[in-house]
Amino acid sequence: MATNRLDFDDNNRGSLHSLLTLNSIQESQAANEKALEELFAENDRDIAALAQQTRQALTEELSGYQYVEIQPKPGFVIKTHTVAKTEKYPASMKVFINVCYSEKITAPMQVPEDEIQKAIKGDESTYTVPMVVSELREDKDKAQRPCLVCDAVIHLKPMKRSREDDSYKIFLTELTLAIFEEKFKIELSRSLSFPRLHSQGPLNPRRVPIPKTPLVTEIASKKLNKSNATQTLPRPDFRITERKQNNTDMVIIAIQTPLQESIGNATVDIESLRIIFHSPGKYHLDETLPFPIDIDPLSPSHMDWSKHYPAFFPADNKDSTEAMSKKKVEFADLGCGYGGLLVALSPLYPNTLMLGMEIRVKVEEYVYERIQALRKQYPKQYENISIIRMNAMKFLPNFFEKGQLSKLFFLFPDPHFKKKKHKARIISHGLLAEYAYILQEGGIIYTITDVRDLHDWMVKCLDEHPLFERISEEEVEKDPVVPYVRTATEEGRKVERNKGDKFLACYRRIKDEEEE
């Protein structure tokens, strides 16, 4: 081992002074070296921080973002839920979006009012609302169940308008949901509410990136790109006429399609002042109507059921208004076909109002005439059933109040075999939220099909929804309605003639512990 030789001063023989001095000098040098190391380390941290700031500033400059400190202020809260299961989150998980504001967020650009109205109506428009959406965070609702929360921050101006203009608030809500879905790749239900909360969780101050080109512009352009393909299709000629039928004013819209033999794949959407007709690869029509049309009631309270059930709402009854407020439809057959179930159940539940819903014009007309003929042939019978032509996947909440129905029937629905058409199936995660809304606690959904794949699909959707539970086979067989579900419809009898299989599943609407 190497050693250091120490020489002592002869004049100070026997003294330890020189050794102590050496130790002192060494300690002093070590302290100085440590201080020097700390100084360099501190400088290194400062240099590293400066470098990080420089890199961030450069990144912001190149990415088109600038960072600002904001303190979001509460506006309103959107409450909805996830539609389908993702890798990270289950279906029907509750989602809260705090729509809040800060004057540091970019304000919407100044445009004429007609451009804003176009945006509200969903038409192509130059109007945009800059919005910054925070990262998604997990939280607990008031029942201590897991939920997802994020903040959508906008400028004060659009927030003020949303408080004064309900249509603008709906536009802003749909825009918020679209940006959420675009950012997180999570589909949200449009069955939503606005709880009376300042915010779900605290709105903490934060440093946020403000896009120089708002995200909403990118999303809007994507939607426009999707519609550009339809603009190149030929516009069909159409004619509008008016006439009376069954004491009802009717509007007939005739669309001429000489380029195709069948319109089986075509779709028609009619709004109060607009008609949209699309035939894939053949035609596209999007026109403003010359006068407003009453398509559906604005709300259940606007629906006049006396035309459908005159025996229950006699015109000469002075208390008819009060009667109409008490007597309500309880059974609904969605996609009722030729009305076999309605006719079969009518004598079984003579005082229960039942409604069939059918989107096919000729089929609806047939069922209407069938019911009228039965009423004439059997006086005071079949007065409790009726039919209406409508798209049940769009307008159910316009007809039925919350918890109004006790039974919902989905008998041999269109299977939509192609995977890309599965979203058009009558049972889906999103639509189940609407069915849960209009069904009372204990209400029953009846599903039956001869397609095993569709049966598995419907069972999976219902099993995953928190407000439905499957009814046991023993209880199902005791239900007096079930035999008619299997055999009363034309489709059911056809399956029997062909000796096919029938797959039945019934689900009960259970109590929502969070409903107030």
Protein backbone atom coordinates (compact mmCIF):
# COMPACT_ATOMS: atom_id res chain seq x y z
CA MET A 1 0.00 0.00 0.00
CA ALA A 2 1.43 3.40 -0.91
CA THR A 3 2.18 5.79 2.01
CA ASN A 4 3.10 9.47 2.30
CA ARG A 5 6.20 10.38 4.30
CA LEU A 6 5.81 13.32 6.67
CA ASP A 7 8.91 15.46 7.49
CA PHE A 8 8.91 17.42 10.73
CA ASP A 9 10.73 20.73 11.31
CA ASP A 10 13.76 20.09 13.50
CA ASN A 11 13.17 23.37 15.30
CA ASN A 12 9.77 22.14 16.33
CA ARG A 13 10.69 18.58 17.20
CA GLY A 14 8.10 16.80 19.30
CA SER A 15 5.29 19.21 18.14
CA LEU A 16 2.18 18.22 16.15
CA HIS A 17 1.68 21.69 14.72
CA SER A 18 2.82 20.85 11.19
CA LEU A 19 0.57 17.76 11.01
CA LEU A 20 -2.50 19.69 12.18
CA THR A 21 -1.78 22.45 9.68
CA LEU A 22 -1.55 19.91 6.89
CA ASN A 23 -4.85 18.36 7.92
CA SER A 24 -6.43 21.82 8.02
CA ILE A 25 -5.15 22.65 4.58
CA GLN A 26 -6.46 19.32 3.19
CA GLU A 27 -9.90 19.85 4.76
CA SER A 28 -10.00 23.39 3.38
CA GLN A 29 -9.11 22.13 -0.08
CA ALA A 30 -11.78 19.40 0.11
CA ALA A 31 -14.41 21.95 1.19
CA ASN A 32 -13.41 24.25 -1.64
CA GLU A 33 -13.59 21.38 -4.12
CA LYS A 34 -17.09 20.39 -2.83
CA ALA A 35 -18.29 23.98 -3.06
CA LEU A 36 -16.87 24.19 -6.55
CA GLU A 37 -18.66 20.97 -7.53
CA GLU A 38 -21.96 22.30 -6.13
CA LEU A 39 -21.46 25.56 -8.00
CA PHE A 40 -20.89 23.70 -11.24
CA ALA A 41 -23.89 21.45 -10.55
CA GLU A 42 -26.10 24.48 -9.91
CA ASN A 43 -24.85 26.08 -13.09
CA ASP A 44 -25.54 22.83 -14.92
CA ARG A 45 -29.13 22.87 -13.64
CA ASP A 46 -29.58 26.44 -14.77
CA ILE A 47 -28.10 25.63 -18.14
CA ALA A 48 -30.32 22.53 -18.42
CA ALA A 49 -33.41 24.55 -17.49
CA LEU A 50 -32.48 27.24 -19.99
CA ALA A 51 -31.98 24.61 -22.65
CA GLN A 52 -35.37 23.06 -21.83
CA GLN A 53 -37.06 26.45 -22.08
CA THR A 54 -35.35 27.07 -25.40
CA ARG A 55 -36.42 23.66 -26.74
CA GLN A 56 -40.03 24.21 -25.52
CA ALA A 57 -40.18 27.67 -27.08
CA LEU A 58 -38.84 26.25 -30.33
CA THR A 59 -41.35 23.37 -30.18
CA GLU A 60 -44.22 25.78 -29.56
CA GLU A 61 -43.10 27.95 -32.46
CA LEU A 62 -42.81 24.99 -34.82
CA SER A 63 -46.03 23.27 -33.65
CA GLY A 64 -48.24 26.31 -33.97
CA TYR A 65 -49.09 26.43 -30.25
CA GLN A 66 -48.48 29.04 -27.59
CA TYR A 67 -48.73 28.34 -23.84
CA VAL A 68 -50.64 30.62 -21.45
CA GLU A 69 -51.58 30.49 -17.78
CA ILE A 70 -55.36 30.41 -17.26
CA GLN A 71 -57.84 30.03 -14.42
CA PRO A 72 -60.97 28.44 -15.98
CA LYS A 73 -64.30 29.80 -14.77
CA PRO A 74 -67.41 27.55 -14.60
CA GLY A 75 -69.98 27.62 -17.39
CA PHE A 76 -72.10 24.47 -17.64
CA VAL A 77 -71.58 20.71 -17.33
CA ILE A 78 -72.42 18.04 -19.90
CA LYS A 79 -73.26 14.61 -18.46
CA THR A 80 -73.22 11.65 -20.85
CA HIS A 81 -71.64 8.21 -21.11
CA THR A 82 -69.42 6.09 -23.36
CA VAL A 83 -71.22 4.19 -26.10
CA ALA A 84 -68.91 1.24 -26.65
CA LYS A 85 -66.18 -0.52 -24.72
CA THR A 86 -62.60 0.61 -25.42
CA GLU A 87 -59.27 -0.91 -24.44
CA LYS A 88 -59.17 1.29 -21.34
CA TYR A 89 -62.81 2.07 -20.43
CA PRO A 90 -66.07 0.04 -20.30
CA ALA A 91 -69.27 0.82 -22.18
CA SER A 92 -71.81 3.07 -20.45
CA MET A 93 -69.16 4.68 -18.24
CA LYS A 94 -70.32 8.10 -17.10
CA VAL A 95 -68.55 11.11 -18.60
CA PHE A 96 -68.63 14.73 -17.37
CA ILE A 97 -67.37 17.59 -19.52
CA ASN A 98 -66.91 20.92 -17.75
CA VAL A 99 -67.57 23.54 -20.39
CA CYS A 100 -65.79 26.53 -18.86
CA TYR A 101 -64.29 29.79 -20.10
CA SER A 102 -61.29 32.10 -19.94
CA GLU A 103 -60.75 35.41 -21.70
CA LYS A 104 -57.22 34.25 -22.55
CA ILE A 105 -58.66 31.68 -24.96
CA THR A 106 -58.94 32.93 -28.53
CA ALA A 107 -62.34 34.48 -29.22
CA PRO A 108 -64.42 33.33 -32.22
CA MET A 109 -63.73 35.34 -35.34
CA GLN A 110 -66.21 38.02 -36.33
CA VAL A 111 -68.63 36.70 -38.97
CA PRO A 112 -72.12 37.73 -40.14
CA GLU A 113 -75.00 36.33 -38.11
CA ASP A 114 -76.18 34.18 -41.01
CA GLU A 115 -72.87 32.27 -40.86
CA ILE A 116 -73.46 31.54 -37.17
CA GLN A 117 -76.99 30.34 -37.97
CA LYS A 118 -75.60 28.02 -40.65
CA ALA A 119 -73.26 26.51 -38.06
CA ILE A 120 -76.15 26.09 -35.59
CA LYS A 121 -78.21 24.28 -38.26
CA GLY A 122 -75.29 22.01 -39.14
CA ASP A 123 -74.68 23.53 -42.56
CA GLU A 124 -71.29 24.40 -44.02
CA SER A 125 -70.09 27.60 -42.34
CA THR A 126 -66.98 29.68 -41.77
CA TYR A 127 -67.89 30.17 -38.10
CA THR A 128 -65.69 28.38 -35.55
CA VAL A 129 -65.37 28.38 -31.77
CA PRO A 130 -61.76 27.90 -30.57
CA MET A 131 -61.69 25.35 -27.78
CA VAL A 132 -58.99 23.79 -25.61
CA VAL A 133 -59.82 20.35 -24.20
CA SER A 134 -57.83 19.15 -21.20
CA GLU A 135 -56.49 15.65 -20.74
CA LEU A 136 -58.96 13.01 -19.56
CA ARG A 137 -58.91 12.27 -15.82
CA GLU A 138 -60.64 9.65 -13.71
CA ASP A 139 -62.90 10.70 -10.85
CA LYS A 140 -65.84 9.50 -8.72
CA ASP A 141 -69.44 10.67 -9.09
CA LYS A 142 -71.69 11.41 -6.13
CA ALA A 143 -72.44 7.69 -5.75
CA GLN A 144 -68.68 7.02 -5.63
CA ARG A 145 -68.73 5.24 -8.98
CA PRO A 146 -65.83 5.71 -11.43
CA CYS A 147 -66.36 8.37 -14.07
CA LEU A 148 -64.34 10.33 -16.62
CA VAL A 149 -63.91 14.10 -16.49
CA CYS A 150 -62.33 16.69 -18.73
CA ASP A 151 -62.52 20.45 -19.18
CA ALA A 152 -63.41 22.20 -22.43
CA VAL A 153 -62.32 25.84 -22.23
CA ILE A 154 -63.71 28.51 -24.56
CA HIS A 155 -63.76 32.30 -24.66
CA LEU A 156 -66.25 34.34 -22.62
CA LYS A 157 -68.22 35.50 -25.70
CA PRO A 158 -69.56 32.10 -26.83
CA MET A 159 -70.24 31.19 -23.19
CA LYS A 160 -72.41 34.31 -22.79
CA ARG A 161 -74.36 33.50 -25.94
CA SER A 162 -74.96 29.91 -24.82
CA ARG A 163 -76.69 31.29 -21.70
CA GLU A 164 -79.07 33.38 -23.79
CA ASP A 165 -79.64 31.16 -26.85
CA ASP A 166 -80.68 27.51 -26.33
CA SER A 167 -80.02 26.64 -29.99
CA TYR A 168 -76.50 27.99 -29.69
CA LYS A 169 -75.97 25.96 -26.52
CA ILE A 170 -77.00 22.80 -28.35
CA PHE A 171 -74.59 23.67 -31.17
CA LEU A 172 -71.80 24.29 -28.65
CA THR A 173 -72.59 21.02 -26.87
CA GLU A 174 -72.45 18.97 -30.08
CA LEU A 175 -69.20 20.71 -31.01
CA THR A 176 -67.71 19.85 -27.61
CA LEU A 177 -68.71 16.19 -27.95
CA ALA A 178 -67.24 16.04 -31.47
CA ILE A 179 -63.90 17.47 -30.32
CA PHE A 180 -63.86 15.11 -27.31
CA GLU A 181 -64.44 12.12 -29.59
CA GLU A 182 -61.80 13.30 -32.04
CA LYS A 183 -59.19 13.77 -29.32
CA PHE A 184 -59.75 10.67 -27.19
CA LYS A 185 -61.20 8.28 -29.81
CA ILE A 186 -64.13 7.52 -27.49
CA GLU A 187 -67.70 7.59 -28.82
CA LEU A 188 -70.16 9.43 -26.57
CA SER A 189 -73.91 8.99 -26.28
CA ARG A 190 -76.13 11.86 -27.44
CA SER A 191 -78.55 10.96 -24.67
CA LEU A 192 -77.23 13.55 -22.24
CA SER A 193 -78.19 16.01 -19.54
CA PHE A 194 -76.97 19.24 -17.99
CA PRO A 195 -76.68 18.66 -14.23
CA ARG A 196 -76.91 21.65 -11.91
CA LEU A 197 -73.22 21.71 -11.09
CA HIS A 198 -70.66 24.51 -11.29
CA SER A 199 -68.20 21.81 -12.33
CA GLN A 200 -67.45 18.15 -11.77
CA GLY A 201 -64.35 18.43 -9.61
CA PRO A 202 -62.22 21.57 -9.15
CA LEU A 203 -61.24 23.87 -12.00
CA ASN A 204 -57.58 24.40 -11.18
CA PRO A 205 -55.28 27.00 -12.75
CA ARG A 206 -53.14 25.52 -15.48
CA ARG A 207 -50.79 26.22 -18.33
CA VAL A 208 -52.53 25.29 -21.56
CA PRO A 209 -51.55 25.21 -25.22
CA ILE A 210 -53.57 27.62 -27.31
CA PRO A 211 -53.68 26.41 -30.92
CA LYS A 212 -53.03 29.16 -33.42
CA THR A 213 -55.28 27.15 -35.77
CA PRO A 214 -58.23 25.96 -33.65
CA LEU A 215 -58.92 22.24 -33.45
CA VAL A 216 -62.55 22.85 -34.32
CA THR A 217 -61.46 24.07 -37.76
CA GLU A 218 -59.74 20.74 -38.39
CA ILE A 219 -62.80 18.76 -37.30
CA ALA A 220 -65.13 20.92 -39.36
CA SER A 221 -62.97 20.40 -42.43
CA LYS A 222 -63.08 16.63 -41.91
CA LYS A 223 -66.86 16.71 -41.83
CA LEU A 224 -66.92 18.82 -44.97
CA ASN A 225 -64.56 16.41 -46.70
CA LYS A 226 -66.98 13.57 -45.97
CA SER A 227 -69.81 15.48 -47.61
CA ASN A 228 -67.78 16.52 -50.65
CA ALA A 229 -68.23 13.06 -52.17
CA THR A 230 -72.01 13.53 -52.22
CA GLN A 231 -71.78 16.87 -54.01
CA THR A 232 -70.62 15.19 -57.23
CA LEU A 233 -73.71 12.95 -57.47
CA PRO A 234 -76.59 14.03 -59.72
CA ARG A 235 -79.49 15.86 -58.09
CA PRO A 236 -82.81 14.08 -58.75
CA ASP A 237 -85.96 15.98 -59.69
CA PHE A 238 -88.65 16.04 -57.03
CA ARG A 239 -92.22 17.29 -56.70
CA ILE A 240 -94.22 18.34 -53.63
CA THR A 241 -98.02 18.06 -53.46
CA GLU A 242 -100.57 18.36 -50.65
CA ARG A 243 -103.74 16.33 -50.04
CA LYS A 244 -106.05 15.13 -47.27
CA GLN A 245 -106.07 11.50 -46.15
CA ASN A 246 -107.90 10.04 -43.16
CA ASN A 247 -108.85 13.60 -42.10
CA THR A 248 -105.18 14.49 -41.97
CA ASP A 249 -103.36 17.07 -44.06
CA MET A 250 -100.59 15.24 -45.89
CA VAL A 251 -97.57 16.36 -47.88
CA ILE A 252 -96.36 14.02 -50.63
CA ILE A 253 -92.79 14.37 -51.88
CA ALA A 254 -92.14 12.41 -55.09
CA ILE A 255 -88.47 11.92 -56.03
CA GLN A 256 -87.66 10.71 -59.54
CA THR A 257 -84.82 8.19 -59.80
CA PRO A 258 -84.63 6.95 -63.41
CA LEU A 259 -81.04 5.72 -63.03
CA GLN A 260 -81.99 2.89 -60.66
CA GLU A 261 -84.56 0.14 -60.61
CA SER A 262 -84.78 -0.15 -56.81
CA ILE A 263 -84.28 2.32 -53.97
CA GLY A 264 -83.67 -0.35 -51.34
CA ASN A 265 -80.39 1.26 -50.22
CA ALA A 266 -81.63 4.84 -50.42
CA THR A 267 -82.26 6.93 -47.31
CA VAL A 268 -84.62 9.86 -46.77
CA ASP A 269 -84.48 12.33 -43.89
CA ILE A 270 -87.14 14.99 -43.67
CA GLU A 271 -86.85 17.91 -41.27
CA SER A 272 -89.25 20.77 -40.73
CA LEU A 273 -87.83 22.80 -43.64
CA ARG A 274 -85.41 20.37 -45.25
CA ILE A 275 -85.30 17.12 -47.21
CA ILE A 276 -82.18 14.97 -47.61
CA PHE A 277 -82.30 12.04 -50.05
CA HIS A 278 -79.23 9.90 -50.72
CA SER A 279 -78.85 6.86 -52.94
CA PRO A 280 -75.27 5.50 -52.74
CA GLY A 281 -73.44 6.14 -56.01
CA LYS A 282 -76.61 7.35 -57.76
CA TYR A 283 -78.26 10.49 -56.37
CA HIS A 284 -77.96 13.09 -53.65
CA LEU A 285 -80.57 15.72 -52.81
CA ASP A 286 -80.36 18.29 -50.02
CA GLU A 287 -83.04 20.96 -50.44
CA THR A 288 -84.90 23.54 -48.39
CA LEU A 289 -88.65 22.94 -48.44
CA PRO A 290 -90.99 25.79 -49.51
CA PHE A 291 -93.02 25.57 -46.28
CA PRO A 292 -92.60 23.99 -42.85
CA ILE A 293 -93.82 20.43 -42.26
CA ASP A 294 -94.90 18.92 -38.95
CA ILE A 295 -92.75 15.80 -38.86
CA ASP A 296 -92.75 14.82 -35.22
CA PRO A 297 -93.95 16.43 -32.01
CA LEU A 298 -91.50 18.80 -30.38
CA SER A 299 -92.01 16.89 -27.13
CA PRO A 300 -94.37 14.21 -25.75
CA SER A 301 -96.68 16.94 -24.42
CA HIS A 302 -97.21 18.20 -27.99
CA MET A 303 -98.41 14.81 -29.26
CA ASP A 304 -102.16 14.53 -29.93
CA TRP A 305 -103.04 10.89 -29.31
CA SER A 306 -106.77 11.43 -29.83
CA LYS A 307 -106.36 10.83 -33.59
CA HIS A 308 -104.91 7.41 -32.88
CA TYR A 309 -107.21 6.33 -30.04
CA PRO A 310 -110.50 8.25 -30.50
CA ALA A 311 -112.42 5.88 -28.21
CA PHE A 312 -110.16 6.83 -25.31
CA PHE A 313 -110.20 10.58 -26.09
CA PRO A 314 -113.75 11.41 -27.29
CA ALA A 315 -114.05 14.83 -28.88
CA ASP A 316 -117.24 15.66 -26.96
CA ASN A 317 -115.65 14.92 -23.59
CA LYS A 318 -115.20 18.16 -21.69
CA ASP A 319 -112.50 16.50 -19.64
CA SER A 320 -110.64 15.24 -22.70
CA THR A 321 -107.64 17.45 -21.94
CA GLU A 322 -107.36 15.97 -18.47
CA ALA A 323 -107.93 12.48 -19.86
CA MET A 324 -105.17 12.96 -22.43
CA SER A 325 -102.78 13.92 -19.67
CA LYS A 326 -103.55 10.70 -17.77
CA LYS A 327 -103.97 8.05 -20.48
CA LYS A 328 -100.68 7.26 -22.18
CA VAL A 329 -99.21 4.66 -24.51
CA GLU A 330 -97.61 1.84 -22.51
CA PHE A 331 -96.55 -0.76 -25.12
CA ALA A 332 -94.41 0.08 -28.17
CA ASP A 333 -93.50 -2.30 -31.01
CA LEU A 334 -90.50 -0.84 -32.86
CA GLY A 335 -90.47 -1.97 -36.47
CA CYS A 336 -93.91 -3.53 -36.06
CA GLY A 337 -94.09 -4.92 -39.61
CA TYR A 338 -97.64 -5.89 -40.56
CA GLY A 339 -98.99 -5.42 -37.03
CA GLY A 340 -99.42 -9.06 -36.02
CA LEU A 341 -98.30 -8.54 -32.42
CA LEU A 342 -100.52 -5.48 -31.92
CA VAL A 343 -103.59 -7.32 -33.17
CA ALA A 344 -102.82 -10.35 -30.98
CA LEU A 345 -102.22 -8.38 -27.78
CA SER A 346 -105.14 -5.96 -28.17
CA PRO A 347 -107.83 -8.30 -26.70
CA LEU A 348 -105.39 -9.50 -24.02
CA TYR A 349 -104.84 -5.93 -22.71
CA PRO A 350 -107.99 -4.03 -23.84
CA ASN A 351 -107.33 -0.96 -21.67
CA THR A 352 -103.65 -0.61 -22.49
CA LEU A 353 -102.68 1.71 -25.33
CA MET A 354 -100.22 0.11 -27.77
CA LEU A 355 -98.34 1.74 -30.62
CA GLY A 356 -96.57 0.23 -33.60
CA MET A 357 -93.76 2.14 -35.28
CA GLU A 358 -92.83 1.42 -38.88
CA ILE A 359 -90.60 3.32 -41.29
CA ARG A 360 -91.85 1.70 -44.53
CA VAL A 361 -94.60 3.77 -46.12
CA LYS A 362 -96.59 0.96 -47.77
CA VAL A 363 -96.40 -1.26 -44.69
CA GLU A 364 -97.59 1.56 -42.42
CA GLU A 365 -100.54 2.25 -44.75
CA TYR A 366 -101.47 -1.44 -44.74
CA VAL A 367 -101.45 -1.68 -40.93
CA TYR A 368 -103.52 1.51 -40.64
CA GLU A 369 -106.18 0.11 -42.97
CA ARG A 370 -106.06 -3.23 -41.16
CA ILE A 371 -106.78 -1.59 -37.79
CA GLN A 372 -109.63 0.50 -39.25
CA ALA A 373 -111.19 -2.62 -40.77
CA LEU A 374 -110.95 -4.51 -37.47
CA ARG A 375 -112.60 -1.64 -35.60
CA LYS A 376 -115.52 -1.68 -38.03
CA GLN A 377 -115.85 -5.46 -38.00
CA TYR A 378 -115.61 -5.75 -34.21
CA PRO A 379 -117.19 -2.65 -32.60
CA LYS A 380 -115.55 -1.45 -29.38
CA GLN A 381 -112.55 -3.68 -30.01
CA TYR A 382 -109.04 -2.91 -31.28
CA GLU A 383 -109.52 0.72 -30.20
CA ASN A 384 -106.34 0.51 -28.10
CA ILE A 385 -103.88 -0.12 -30.96
CA SER A 386 -102.50 2.21 -33.60
CA ILE A 387 -99.51 2.76 -35.84
CA ILE A 388 -97.31 5.68 -36.79
CA ARG A 389 -94.69 6.00 -39.51
CA MET A 390 -91.43 7.22 -38.05
CA ASN A 391 -87.75 6.48 -37.61
CA ALA A 392 -87.73 5.00 -34.11
CA MET A 393 -83.93 5.24 -33.94
CA LYS A 394 -84.14 9.04 -34.08
CA PHE A 395 -87.29 10.38 -32.49
CA LEU A 396 -88.40 8.19 -29.57
CA PRO A 397 -87.87 10.89 -26.88
CA ASN A 398 -90.16 13.18 -28.92
CA PHE A 399 -93.06 10.77 -28.35
CA PHE A 400 -92.53 9.21 -24.93
CA GLU A 401 -91.83 10.70 -21.53
CA LYS A 402 -89.27 9.39 -19.09
CA GLY A 403 -90.43 6.07 -17.63
CA GLN A 404 -93.64 6.02 -19.69
CA LEU A 405 -93.48 2.58 -21.31
CA SER A 406 -93.80 -0.80 -19.62
CA LYS A 407 -92.97 -2.97 -22.64
CA LEU A 408 -90.73 -2.51 -25.69
CA PHE A 409 -90.72 -5.08 -28.50
CA PHE A 410 -87.95 -5.74 -31.03
CA LEU A 411 -89.25 -8.69 -33.05
CA PHE A 412 -87.18 -10.05 -35.93
CA PRO A 413 -85.39 -6.75 -36.64
CA ASP A 414 -83.22 -6.16 -39.70
CA PRO A 415 -79.94 -8.03 -38.98
CA HIS A 416 -77.75 -5.70 -41.11
CA PHE A 417 -75.28 -8.49 -41.79
CA LYS A 418 -72.39 -6.36 -43.10
CA LYS A 419 -70.05 -5.20 -40.33
CA LYS A 420 -70.09 -1.59 -41.53
CA LYS A 421 -73.90 -1.61 -41.13
CA HIS A 422 -73.89 -2.91 -37.55
CA LYS A 423 -74.27 0.66 -36.29
CA ALA A 424 -77.70 0.70 -37.95
CA ARG A 425 -78.98 -2.18 -35.80
CA ILE A 426 -81.99 -1.28 -33.68
CA ILE A 427 -80.23 -2.53 -30.51
CA SER A 428 -76.93 -0.78 -29.82
CA HIS A 429 -75.05 0.70 -26.87
CA GLY A 430 -76.12 4.23 -27.77
CA LEU A 431 -79.80 3.47 -28.38
CA LEU A 432 -80.13 1.46 -25.17
CA ALA A 433 -79.68 4.69 -23.24
CA GLU A 434 -82.83 6.05 -24.93
CA TYR A 435 -84.73 2.82 -24.31
CA ALA A 436 -83.74 2.94 -20.64
CA TYR A 437 -84.97 6.54 -20.50
CA ILE A 438 -88.49 5.83 -21.81
CA LEU A 439 -88.92 2.51 -19.94
CA GLN A 440 -90.25 2.52 -16.39
CA GLU A 441 -88.48 0.59 -13.64
CA GLY A 442 -89.46 -3.03 -14.08
CA GLY A 443 -90.32 -2.44 -17.73
CA ILE A 444 -89.34 -5.22 -20.14
CA ILE A 445 -87.52 -5.34 -23.46
CA TYR A 446 -88.44 -8.33 -25.64
CA THR A 447 -86.01 -9.36 -28.41
CA ILE A 448 -86.36 -12.28 -30.82
CA THR A 449 -84.61 -13.16 -34.08
CA ASP A 450 -83.82 -16.14 -36.26
CA VAL A 451 -80.24 -14.88 -36.81
CA ARG A 452 -77.83 -16.20 -34.18
CA ASP A 453 -75.23 -13.48 -34.82
CA LEU A 454 -77.80 -10.74 -34.27
CA HIS A 455 -79.07 -12.47 -31.12
CA ASP A 456 -75.53 -12.60 -29.70
CA TRP A 457 -75.06 -8.93 -30.60
CA MET A 458 -78.24 -7.83 -28.81
CA VAL A 459 -77.50 -9.96 -25.74
CA LYS A 460 -73.97 -8.56 -25.51
CA CYS A 461 -75.21 -4.95 -25.74
CA LEU A 462 -77.90 -5.52 -23.11
CA ASP A 463 -75.61 -7.47 -20.79
CA GLU A 464 -73.09 -4.62 -20.82
CA HIS A 465 -75.65 -1.91 -20.06
CA PRO A 466 -75.92 -1.09 -16.32
CA LEU A 467 -79.70 -0.46 -16.39
CA PHE A 468 -80.80 -3.82 -17.78
CA GLU A 469 -80.74 -7.33 -16.33
CA ARG A 470 -81.63 -10.51 -18.19
CA ILE A 471 -84.80 -12.33 -17.09
CA SER A 472 -84.40 -16.02 -16.31
CA GLU A 473 -85.83 -18.60 -18.70
CA GLU A 474 -88.23 -19.85 -16.00
CA GLU A 475 -89.72 -16.37 -15.56
CA VAL A 476 -89.83 -15.75 -19.31
CA GLU A 477 -91.92 -18.87 -19.90
CA LYS A 478 -94.50 -17.64 -17.35
CA ASP A 479 -94.90 -14.29 -19.14
CA PRO A 480 -98.29 -14.34 -21.00
CA VAL A 481 -96.86 -12.09 -23.74
CA VAL A 482 -94.01 -14.41 -24.76
CA PRO A 483 -96.08 -16.93 -26.82
CA TYR A 484 -97.31 -14.05 -28.98
CA VAL A 485 -93.78 -12.70 -29.31
CA ARG A 486 -92.81 -16.06 -30.81
CA THR A 487 -95.79 -16.67 -33.10
CA ALA A 488 -97.96 -13.58 -33.67
CA THR A 489 -95.83 -11.80 -36.26
CA GLU A 490 -95.68 -12.64 -39.95
CA GLU A 491 -91.90 -13.05 -39.65
CA GLY A 492 -92.30 -15.49 -36.76
CA ARG A 493 -94.77 -17.65 -38.70
CA LYS A 494 -92.47 -17.61 -41.72
CA VAL A 495 -89.59 -18.93 -39.59
CA GLU A 496 -91.86 -21.71 -38.32
CA ARG A 497 -92.88 -22.68 -41.86
CA ASN A 498 -89.21 -22.88 -42.80
CA LYS A 499 -88.47 -24.85 -39.60
CA GLY A 500 -85.90 -22.25 -38.53
CA ASP A 501 -84.58 -21.42 -35.07
CA LYS A 502 -85.84 -18.57 -32.90
CA PHE A 503 -83.59 -16.89 -30.35
CA LEU A 504 -85.43 -15.09 -27.56
CA ALA A 505 -83.98 -12.81 -24.85
CA CYS A 506 -85.91 -10.60 -22.41
CA TYR A 507 -84.44 -7.91 -20.16
CA ARG A 508 -85.84 -5.92 -17.26
CA ARG A 509 -85.18 -2.20 -16.70
CA ILE A 510 -83.64 -1.98 -13.22
CA LYS A 511 -83.45 0.96 -10.86
CA ASP A 512 -80.79 3.58 -11.37
CA GLU A 513 -79.37 4.27 -7.92
CA GLU A 514 -78.25 7.73 -9.05
CA GLU A 515 -81.65 8.87 -10.30
CA GLU A 516 -83.08 11.53 -8.05
